[in-house]
Protein backbone atom coordinates (compact mmCIF):
# COMPACT_ATOMS: atom_id res chain seq x y z
CA UNK A 1 0.20 -0.04 -0.01
CA UNK A 2 1.19 3.45 -1.05
CA UNK A 3 1.86 5.78 1.90
CA UNK A 4 0.64 9.41 0.87
CA UNK A 5 1.33 12.33 2.88
CA UNK A 6 -1.62 15.02 2.69
CA UNK A 7 0.35 18.41 3.78
CA UNK A 8 -1.86 21.19 4.54
CA UNK A 9 -2.18 24.58 6.36
CA UNK A 10 0.72 26.91 6.27
CA UNK A 11 1.48 30.39 7.10
CA UNK A 12 -1.12 31.56 4.67
CA UNK A 13 -4.36 33.89 4.94
CA UNK A 14 -5.71 30.88 2.92
CA UNK A 15 -4.85 28.62 5.98
CA UNK A 16 -8.47 27.39 6.69
CA UNK A 17 -9.33 27.12 3.07
CA UNK A 18 -6.48 24.56 2.89
CA UNK A 19 -7.66 22.60 5.93
CA UNK A 20 -11.12 22.41 4.09
CA UNK A 21 -9.82 21.10 0.74
CA UNK A 22 -7.40 18.50 2.40
CA UNK A 23 -10.07 16.96 4.86
CA UNK A 24 -12.40 16.60 1.26
CA UNK A 25 -9.22 15.06 -0.32
CA UNK A 26 -8.36 12.62 2.59
CA UNK A 27 -12.10 11.44 2.69
CA UNK A 28 -12.31 10.72 -0.84
CA UNK A 29 -8.79 9.01 -1.42
CA UNK A 30 -8.93 5.17 -1.98
CA UNK A 31 -8.32 3.40 1.18
CA UNK A 32 -7.68 0.32 -0.48
CA UNK A 33 -4.63 1.53 -2.55
CA UNK A 34 -3.38 4.18 -0.26
CA UNK A 35 -2.52 4.68 3.63
CA UNK A 36 -3.37 8.17 4.36
CA UNK A 37 -0.87 10.23 6.45
CA UNK A 38 -2.22 13.50 7.43
CA UNK A 39 0.71 16.54 7.79
CA UNK A 40 -0.67 19.80 9.20
CA UNK A 41 1.47 22.73 9.01
CA UNK A 42 0.24 25.30 11.66
CA UNK A 43 0.50 28.99 11.21
CA UNK A 44 3.54 29.15 13.04
CA UNK A 45 5.08 26.71 10.59
CA UNK A 46 5.28 23.94 13.06
CA UNK A 47 4.49 20.19 11.41
CA UNK A 48 1.95 17.80 12.90
CA UNK A 49 1.01 14.43 12.08
CA UNK A 50 -1.67 11.87 13.50
CA UNK A 51 -5.22 10.40 12.48
CA UNK A 52 -6.86 13.19 14.42
CA UNK A 53 -6.21 15.51 11.37
CA UNK A 54 -8.56 14.02 9.28
CA UNK A 55 -11.05 15.29 11.19
CA UNK A 56 -12.55 19.05 10.56
CA UNK A 57 -13.70 19.46 14.30
CA UNK A 58 -9.88 18.73 15.34
CA UNK A 59 -8.87 22.36 14.05
CA UNK A 60 -11.62 24.09 16.31
CA UNK A 61 -9.26 23.91 19.21
CA UNK A 62 -5.61 23.92 18.73
CA UNK A 63 -4.46 22.90 22.25
CA UNK A 64 -6.51 19.79 21.79
CA UNK A 65 -4.95 19.22 18.19
CA UNK A 66 -1.51 19.49 19.71
CA UNK A 67 -2.28 16.86 22.43
CA UNK A 68 -3.56 14.21 20.04
CA UNK A 69 -0.65 14.63 17.36
CA UNK A 70 2.88 14.58 17.11
CA UNK A 71 5.12 17.57 16.21
CA UNK A 72 7.42 16.38 13.53
CA UNK A 73 9.98 17.29 11.06
CA UNK A 74 10.26 15.51 7.34
CA UNK A 75 13.81 14.36 6.14
CA UNK A 76 15.54 11.94 4.02
CA UNK A 77 16.96 8.99 6.18
CA UNK A 78 19.05 7.14 3.83
CA UNK A 79 16.29 7.32 1.06
CA UNK A 80 13.57 6.78 3.25
CA UNK A 81 11.36 9.85 3.80
CA UNK A 82 10.41 9.96 7.60
CA UNK A 83 8.50 11.98 9.76
CA UNK A 84 10.44 12.22 13.19
CA UNK A 85 9.27 13.60 16.23
CA UNK A 86 10.95 16.81 18.04
CA UNK A 87 12.29 17.03 21.24
CA UNK A 88 14.88 15.02 23.37
CA UNK A 89 13.82 11.61 22.68
CA UNK A 90 13.49 11.71 19.07
CA UNK A 91 12.04 8.85 16.96
CA UNK A 92 10.58 8.24 13.64
CA UNK A 93 6.68 8.32 14.03
CA UNK A 94 6.04 7.28 10.31
CA UNK A 95 7.29 7.63 6.82
CA UNK A 96 5.74 8.45 3.37
CA UNK A 97 6.04 7.35 -0.20
CA UNK A 98 4.62 10.48 -1.69
CA UNK A 99 3.68 13.93 -0.67
CA UNK A 100 0.46 15.15 -1.72
CA UNK A 101 0.16 19.11 -1.09
CA UNK A 102 -3.11 20.41 -0.43
CA UNK A 103 -2.15 23.98 0.04
CA UNK A 104 -3.43 27.42 -1.00
CA UNK A 105 -1.45 30.77 -0.85
CA UNK A 106 1.77 32.29 -0.01
CA UNK A 107 4.54 30.25 1.56
CA UNK A 108 3.11 27.08 0.73
CA UNK A 109 1.50 27.08 -2.75
CA UNK A 110 3.84 29.49 -4.24
CA UNK A 111 6.85 27.24 -4.89
CA UNK A 112 8.06 27.48 -1.11
CA UNK A 113 6.96 24.14 0.05
CA UNK A 114 7.87 22.45 -3.25
CA UNK A 115 11.35 23.50 -3.06
CA UNK A 116 11.87 21.86 0.09
CA UNK A 117 10.13 18.84 -0.87
CA UNK A 118 12.51 18.75 -3.81
CA UNK A 119 15.69 19.47 -1.73
CA UNK A 120 14.54 16.36 0.53
CA UNK A 121 14.04 14.46 -2.63
CA UNK A 122 10.73 13.17 -1.82
CA UNK A 123 8.11 12.44 -4.71
CA UNK A 124 5.46 14.83 -4.64
CA UNK A 125 2.15 15.62 -6.33
CA UNK A 126 1.39 18.85 -8.21
CA UNK A 127 3.44 21.66 -10.10
CA UNK A 128 7.03 22.26 -9.48
CA UNK A 129 8.83 25.08 -8.03
CA UNK A 130 8.84 27.58 -10.99
CA UNK A 131 5.30 26.82 -12.13
CA UNK A 132 3.95 27.14 -8.37
CA UNK A 133 5.67 30.44 -8.23
CA UNK A 134 4.62 31.71 -11.47
CA UNK A 135 0.81 30.52 -10.71
CA UNK A 136 0.67 32.55 -7.23
CA UNK A 137 2.09 35.79 -9.00
CA UNK A 138 -0.60 37.45 -10.86
CA UNK A 139 1.71 40.09 -12.39
CA UNK A 140 4.14 37.79 -13.54
CA UNK A 141 1.43 35.43 -14.96
CA UNK A 142 0.25 38.43 -17.27
CA UNK A 143 3.56 39.49 -18.32
CA UNK A 144 4.30 35.64 -19.78
CA UNK A 145 0.53 35.79 -21.08
CA UNK A 146 1.19 39.10 -22.96
CA UNK A 147 4.47 37.51 -24.35
CA UNK A 148 2.21 34.72 -25.81
CA UNK A 149 -0.29 37.14 -26.95
CA UNK A 150 -2.92 35.51 -24.94
CA UNK A 151 -5.91 37.79 -23.99
CA UNK A 152 -5.78 39.64 -20.58
CA UNK A 153 -7.42 42.69 -19.29
CA UNK A 154 -5.52 46.20 -19.02
CA UNK A 155 -3.73 46.43 -15.76
CA UNK A 156 -1.15 48.54 -13.69
CA UNK A 157 0.81 46.96 -11.15
CA UNK A 158 3.42 48.55 -8.63
CA UNK A 159 5.16 47.95 -5.24
CA UNK A 160 4.07 49.20 -1.85
CA UNK A 161 6.89 51.27 -1.28
CA UNK A 162 6.27 52.98 -4.67
CA UNK A 163 3.02 53.93 -3.68
CA UNK A 164 4.22 55.00 -0.29
CA UNK A 165 6.92 57.13 -1.80
CA UNK A 166 4.66 58.87 -4.25
CA UNK A 167 0.94 57.89 -4.21
CA UNK A 168 -0.32 60.64 -6.46
CA UNK A 169 1.97 59.30 -9.32
CA UNK A 170 0.62 55.81 -8.91
CA UNK A 171 -2.94 56.88 -8.79
CA UNK A 172 -2.28 59.27 -12.03
CA UNK A 173 -0.69 56.42 -13.62
CA UNK A 174 -3.75 54.12 -13.07
CA UNK A 175 -6.15 56.70 -14.19
CA UNK A 176 -4.48 57.42 -17.33
CA UNK A 177 -4.24 53.84 -18.45
CA UNK A 178 -7.55 52.52 -16.93
CA UNK A 179 -11.05 53.50 -16.72
CA UNK A 180 -13.44 53.16 -13.53
CA UNK A 181 -14.54 50.93 -12.19
CA UNK A 182 -11.18 48.89 -11.50
CA UNK A 183 -10.42 45.72 -9.53
CA UNK A 184 -7.53 46.08 -7.11
CA UNK A 185 -5.79 42.85 -5.88
CA UNK A 186 -2.73 41.84 -3.77
CA UNK A 187 -0.54 40.08 -6.51
CA UNK A 188 0.29 36.84 -4.84
CA UNK A 189 -2.78 35.96 -2.80
CA UNK A 190 -5.56 33.74 -3.60
CA UNK A 191 -9.43 32.92 -2.51
CA UNK A 192 -10.04 36.51 -3.64
CA UNK A 193 -8.56 37.84 -0.03
CA UNK A 194 -7.74 41.43 -0.19
CA UNK A 195 -9.59 41.86 -3.51
CA UNK A 196 -11.98 45.01 -3.75
CA UNK A 197 -13.65 46.92 -6.48
CA UNK A 198 -12.93 51.02 -7.05
CA UNK A 199 -15.36 53.38 -8.77
CA UNK A 200 -13.63 56.56 -7.83
CA UNK A 201 -10.20 57.94 -6.79
CA UNK A 202 -11.22 57.73 -3.23
CA UNK A 203 -12.37 54.22 -3.57
CA UNK A 204 -9.08 53.44 -5.42
CA UNK A 205 -7.05 54.85 -2.36
CA UNK A 206 -8.82 52.93 0.23
CA UNK A 207 -8.52 49.91 -2.08
CA UNK A 208 -4.82 49.81 -2.40
CA UNK A 209 -4.48 50.68 1.00
CA UNK A 210 -6.42 47.55 2.07
CA UNK A 211 -4.53 45.34 -0.52
CA UNK A 212 -0.98 46.66 0.88
CA UNK A 213 -1.89 45.11 4.20
CA UNK A 214 -1.70 41.59 2.52
CA UNK A 215 1.17 41.92 -0.13
CA UNK A 216 3.91 44.12 -1.08
CA UNK A 217 2.90 43.95 -4.87
CA UNK A 218 -0.22 45.14 -6.18
CA UNK A 219 -2.31 45.10 -9.32
CA UNK A 220 -5.03 47.17 -10.66
CA UNK A 221 -7.06 45.53 -13.35
CA UNK A 222 -9.55 47.15 -15.78
CA UNK A 223 -13.15 45.63 -14.97
CA UNK A 224 -14.69 43.86 -18.13
CA UNK A 225 -18.05 45.34 -18.91
CA UNK A 226 -21.20 42.83 -19.55
CA UNK A 227 -19.06 40.41 -17.66
CA UNK A 228 -19.43 36.67 -17.24
CA UNK A 229 -16.99 34.83 -15.29
CA UNK A 230 -16.06 31.35 -16.27
CA UNK A 231 -13.73 28.75 -14.86
CA UNK A 232 -12.08 25.51 -16.21
CA UNK A 233 -9.90 22.73 -14.46
CA UNK A 234 -7.01 21.21 -16.17
CA UNK A 235 -5.32 17.89 -15.55
CA UNK A 236 -2.04 16.66 -16.60
CA UNK A 237 1.38 17.89 -17.37
CA UNK A 238 3.22 19.50 -20.22
CA UNK A 239 3.01 16.04 -22.29
CA UNK A 240 -0.91 15.75 -22.21
CA UNK A 241 -3.79 17.88 -20.80
CA UNK A 242 -7.40 17.00 -20.40
CA UNK A 243 -10.02 19.55 -19.50
CA UNK A 244 -12.83 19.43 -17.47
CA UNK A 245 -16.53 20.97 -17.83
CA UNK A 246 -16.77 24.92 -17.90
CA UNK A 247 -18.61 26.57 -15.01
CA UNK A 248 -20.24 30.13 -14.85
CA UNK A 249 -19.72 31.88 -11.63
CA UNK A 250 -22.79 33.02 -10.06
CA UNK A 251 -22.46 36.08 -7.86
CA UNK A 252 -24.14 39.51 -7.20
CA UNK A 253 -20.64 41.36 -6.70
CA UNK A 254 -18.23 42.60 -9.42
CA UNK A 255 -16.06 39.53 -8.62
CA UNK A 256 -16.28 36.19 -6.85
CA UNK A 257 -15.56 37.07 -3.31
CA UNK A 258 -13.95 34.96 -0.51
CA UNK A 259 -17.75 34.72 0.86
CA UNK A 260 -19.17 33.74 -2.31
CA UNK A 261 -16.37 30.93 -2.37
CA UNK A 262 -16.44 29.56 0.93
CA UNK A 263 -19.22 31.02 2.83
CA UNK A 264 -22.68 32.12 1.44
CA UNK A 265 -22.93 28.68 -0.76
CA UNK A 266 -23.03 26.67 2.61
CA UNK A 267 -24.70 26.75 6.09
CA UNK A 268 -21.71 23.92 6.94
CA UNK A 269 -18.69 25.99 6.71
CA UNK A 270 -15.81 23.90 6.75
CA UNK A 271 -17.22 21.09 5.05
CA UNK A 272 -18.11 22.28 1.44
CA UNK A 273 -15.46 24.81 0.70
CA UNK A 274 -15.56 25.94 -3.07
CA UNK A 275 -17.88 22.92 -3.89
CA UNK A 276 -20.43 25.00 -2.28
CA UNK A 277 -20.17 28.18 -4.21
CA UNK A 278 -23.13 29.15 -6.53
CA UNK A 279 -22.14 28.24 -10.10
CA UNK A 280 -24.12 27.02 -13.26
CA UNK A 281 -22.42 23.95 -15.01
CA UNK A 282 -22.10 24.05 -17.98
CA UNK A 283 -21.50 27.81 -18.42
CA UNK A 284 -24.20 29.85 -20.54
CA UNK A 285 -21.73 30.89 -23.17
CA UNK A 286 -21.56 29.94 -27.03
CA UNK A 287 -19.73 27.04 -28.13
CA UNK A 288 -17.28 29.37 -29.98
CA UNK A 289 -16.40 30.98 -26.76
CA UNK A 290 -16.05 27.63 -24.97
CA UNK A 291 -13.83 26.37 -27.69
CA UNK A 292 -11.81 29.71 -27.09
CA UNK A 293 -11.59 28.89 -23.41
CA UNK A 294 -10.25 25.47 -23.91
CA UNK A 295 -7.57 26.39 -26.19
CA UNK A 296 -6.29 29.45 -24.07
CA UNK A 297 -6.19 27.33 -20.90
CA UNK A 298 -4.41 24.61 -22.45
CA UNK A 299 -1.59 26.84 -23.95
CA UNK A 300 -1.41 28.47 -20.77
CA UNK A 301 -1.13 25.30 -18.63
CA UNK A 302 1.61 24.11 -20.90
CA UNK A 303 3.53 27.50 -21.06
CA UNK A 304 3.81 27.75 -17.29
CA UNK A 305 4.64 24.13 -16.87
CA UNK A 306 1.95 23.24 -14.49
CA UNK A 307 1.35 19.54 -13.44
CA UNK A 308 -1.55 17.70 -11.55
CA UNK A 309 -4.83 19.67 -11.11
CA UNK A 310 -5.13 23.52 -11.91
CA UNK A 311 -8.16 25.69 -12.41
CA UNK A 312 -8.20 28.74 -14.70
CA UNK A 313 -10.52 31.65 -14.52
CA UNK A 314 -11.71 33.67 -17.36
CA UNK A 315 -13.46 36.94 -17.88
CA UNK A 316 -16.07 37.03 -20.67
CA UNK A 317 -17.56 40.17 -22.09
CA UNK A 318 -20.67 38.90 -23.66
CA UNK A 319 -21.38 41.89 -25.89
CA UNK A 320 -18.07 41.96 -27.50
CA UNK A 321 -17.91 38.10 -27.30
CA UNK A 322 -14.21 38.21 -26.19
CA UNK A 323 -12.33 36.06 -23.70
CA UNK A 324 -9.78 37.51 -21.20
CA UNK A 325 -7.63 35.31 -18.75
CA UNK A 326 -8.10 35.92 -15.25
CA UNK A 327 -5.76 33.94 -13.29
CA UNK A 328 -4.63 30.42 -12.86
CA UNK A 329 -4.47 28.38 -9.88
CA UNK A 330 -1.83 25.54 -9.05
CA UNK A 331 -3.72 24.12 -6.43
CA UNK A 332 -7.42 25.27 -6.40
CA UNK A 333 -10.02 25.25 -3.98
CA UNK A 334 -11.31 21.59 -3.24
CA UNK A 335 -8.95 20.60 -6.10
CA UNK A 336 -12.00 21.57 -8.46
CA UNK A 337 -13.29 18.20 -8.03
CA UNK A 338 -16.95 19.47 -8.83
CA UNK A 339 -15.93 20.44 -12.53
CA UNK A 340 -14.89 16.70 -13.07
CA UNK A 341 -17.68 15.31 -11.78
CA UNK A 342 -19.82 16.71 -14.55
CA UNK A 343 -17.46 14.77 -16.95
CA UNK A 344 -18.03 11.37 -14.95
CA UNK A 345 -14.55 11.33 -13.22
CA UNK A 346 -15.23 10.92 -9.53
CA UNK A 347 -13.17 12.77 -6.84
CA UNK A 348 -11.61 9.30 -5.92
CA UNK A 349 -10.50 8.93 -9.44
CA UNK A 350 -9.20 12.55 -9.75
CA UNK A 351 -7.01 12.22 -6.78
CA UNK A 352 -5.75 8.77 -8.04
CA UNK A 353 -4.99 10.58 -11.41
CA UNK A 354 -3.10 13.33 -9.77
CA UNK A 355 -0.79 10.68 -7.76
CA UNK A 356 -0.04 8.75 -10.91
CA UNK A 357 1.12 12.08 -12.68
CA UNK A 358 3.03 13.09 -9.73
CA UNK A 359 4.98 9.59 -9.73
CA UNK A 360 5.60 10.08 -13.62
CA UNK A 361 6.91 13.32 -12.67
CA UNK A 362 9.20 12.39 -10.20
CA UNK A 363 10.51 9.52 -12.53
CA UNK A 364 11.34 11.92 -15.25
CA UNK A 365 13.00 14.09 -12.68
CA UNK A 366 15.29 11.67 -11.44
CA UNK A 367 16.32 10.03 -14.76
CA UNK A 368 17.84 13.57 -15.57
CA UNK A 369 21.36 14.61 -14.76
CA UNK A 370 21.32 16.92 -11.58
CA UNK A 371 24.91 16.56 -10.27
CA UNK A 372 28.12 14.95 -11.14
CA UNK A 373 29.70 11.82 -9.33
CA UNK A 374 33.28 13.20 -9.62
CA UNK A 375 34.46 15.69 -7.01
CA UNK A 376 36.52 18.50 -8.91
CA UNK A 377 37.55 19.86 -5.70
CA UNK A 378 39.40 16.56 -4.77
CA UNK A 379 42.74 17.91 -6.33
CA UNK A 380 41.93 21.52 -5.85
CA UNK A 381 44.75 23.49 -4.43
CA UNK A 382 43.35 27.09 -4.89
CA UNK A 383 43.13 27.65 -0.84
CA UNK A 384 46.89 26.75 -0.43
CA UNK A 385 48.53 29.08 2.02
CA UNK A 386 45.11 30.24 3.28
CA UNK A 387 44.87 26.99 5.90
CA UNK A 388 45.76 29.25 8.87
CA UNK A 389 43.71 32.16 8.00
CA UNK A 390 40.68 29.99 7.57
CA UNK A 391 40.62 28.99 11.23
């Protein structure tokens, strides 16, 4: 039986969203094929493992959580990937064959965690370091999409220090390029955290100041008129990609808010997550626009080098019949399983497919040359005469 370590949580404003997604996934993994090892990262970046982490109620009381779980570290012990307890009496609590990150936001989804897993050498599911980092940064995404001549809404971006040094210059730059209303976003967050709409300069100032509380890089985008928001999920890697059904987002706001995604759609907060958001499947757009969404999504997925499951969000101007890329999510809320349900692929099958892709990615990675067995320093005398000075 394959031991799958489900990592979730982390120092992120999307911490609780990650818990919801992970509990959903752990409840749907095939128990006949996989032994599930929950690995929770607290907001203080402490790692815990234990069966209690499979239950959402465990996270209501952190002191209770710590009592029934083990505080651990993950490391490579002679090719074996182990979870070892911390403290004076260290011992191996468990080991894993592959890691499945179900994480959202900065410090976990943005390539940070993936970099650590690569350093340890453990196989893992999902996108690599670079693609995860790009998918987390809305500015870099847009620069890449523009370079590929893929459609994005007009935008202006800047750093917090630039705004603090000369806010009028930044505001003038925005008003020169964009027309009100505009959407203001922290560049590297997800789940609509810190996002707001601005219809006047006064609104814009308030929105920017709010976004700066979350990020040092801010992006302001032109609002699309006659807007319909649609999303599509993708499964695969750079070699082959399959596509889910296209959903239409249903919201009374100018964009899909955090409440729309995780609160308004379900009274049982913490159990439904993104699956509870209001949506229409399939989306009410023309076949021509659906084809365009699929083609752009596939090109974007491969260009960024994503792997596993991702979700691409689009903005459609229904009057002009024009599609714009909004953003891409390398580890979407609820792993976008609700979009695959409509294609006949169950959540359990989706998770199985993701693990298989992760294994294939790992095999490809270790087949490449990453270091040389020879030690070029064995005969190096470049420091001769400095021996005493180095002490």
